Amino acid sequence: MKCFERLVKDHITSTLPNTLDPLQFAYRPNRSTDDAISTTLHTALTHLDKRNTYVRMLFIDYSSAFNTIVPSKLVIKLETLGLDPALCNWVLDFLTGRPQVVRVGNNISSPLILNTGAPQGCVLSPLLYSLFTHDCVATHASNSIIKFADDTTVVGLITNNDETAYREEVRALGVWCQEKNLTLNVNKTKEMIVDFRKQQREHPPIHIDGTVVERVASFKFLGIHITDKLNWSTHTDSIVKKAQQRLFNLRRLKKFGLSPKALTNFYRCTIESILAGCITAWYGNCTALNRKALQRVVRSAQRITGGKLPALQDTYSTRCYRKAIKIIKDINHPSHCLFTPLSSRRRGQYRCIKAGNERLKNSFYLKAIRLLNSHH
């Protein structure tokens, strides 16, 4: 069945219009968590480059998001997106009339027929959910709603302490959730405020359904630890600790007599994948201390494997360059417009983005443009 689901999934994605919400980064070609994080950070940093500004980020948590999809409402959405009526009917049949039982030991409950939700673990479920929520978009120009499947983040750009548009956006999102039968889990929904002004005011809390949303100084956003200071010590400390635990396994494998090639493959799969996860989004703004801690792990792994391993700085630069090339080739990518070619006389050169603060200067898009220009 999963093989057949993959065929249906490929067919659906091939027929979807390019106008679909560009800020939904899941289940689309040339999109990843890196892109979602980089877009969020760039949106915030460019705004913070202006005077008397700050940013409020609301990290939404839904209660059993996949289980609350109403198939009849989903099919209407699919039809409006231009999917074939026969395919829509197949999806409706696939999601309704599903028997479910609970087994505890040798005891099995009587079956219950389910007609709501998308089954957990199905190939199609995440795609169907992202299509079900494709119209969850910001209504105000000063806000962005960035999504990766059911991970939803509202980014409010506040100027001169005017939060009217942001608060209206949150209220409208609550109404939209009620209409779509989605339940916001207010207890797990968190808010982070990034404010670098010298004279900060007290920020009044945001309410959802009469409940105050908890304000946090750090949040794990799509796998990375983002803080209200937009520094990366929390994240690097976390991944260094995790990577060092994997070094123990690498040492054990060496004692068992594995070849240097096998040890290197183990390092690339289980340690480098941790150190370099979403590296294009955060490494540029790491402190020298953060980078030394990360590189110490690489050097330790190098002594164990006995071979040359790429430095994280080189991995970062290579991935930034490759990602930039992919974005330039993809006209539908939400960040495509940030890469503006200069006049025909200066072929292969791209216009630099103006930046007043160091965080923005060291961010992914500015680093990528510098790399592209240096390659030509």
Foldseek 3Di string as FASTA:
>chain_A
DLVVVVVLLVVLLVLFDLPFQLLAQAPHPLGDVLQNLLVLVLLQQVLLLDPQKKKKKKWWDWDQLQQQFQLVLLLVLSVVRPDDNVSSVVSQVVQFQDWDWDDDPNDIDDIDTDRGGDDPPHPCSQVSQCSSCRPLFQPDPQWGWHHHRPGTMIMGMDHPNDCPSVLVSLVVNLVVCVVRRIGIPQAPIEMEMQDPDPDDDDDDFHDDPNHTRHYDQWDQHSNAIAGSPRERPVRLVVLLVQLVVVVVVLLVVVVVPDALVVSVVSCVPRRVCSLCPSVLAHVLRYDPVSLVSSQVSVVSSCVSSVDDDDRVVVVNLVVLQVSLVVLCVDPSNPCNVVFADDDPVLPQATDADDGDDPVSCSGSSNSNNVSSSVVD
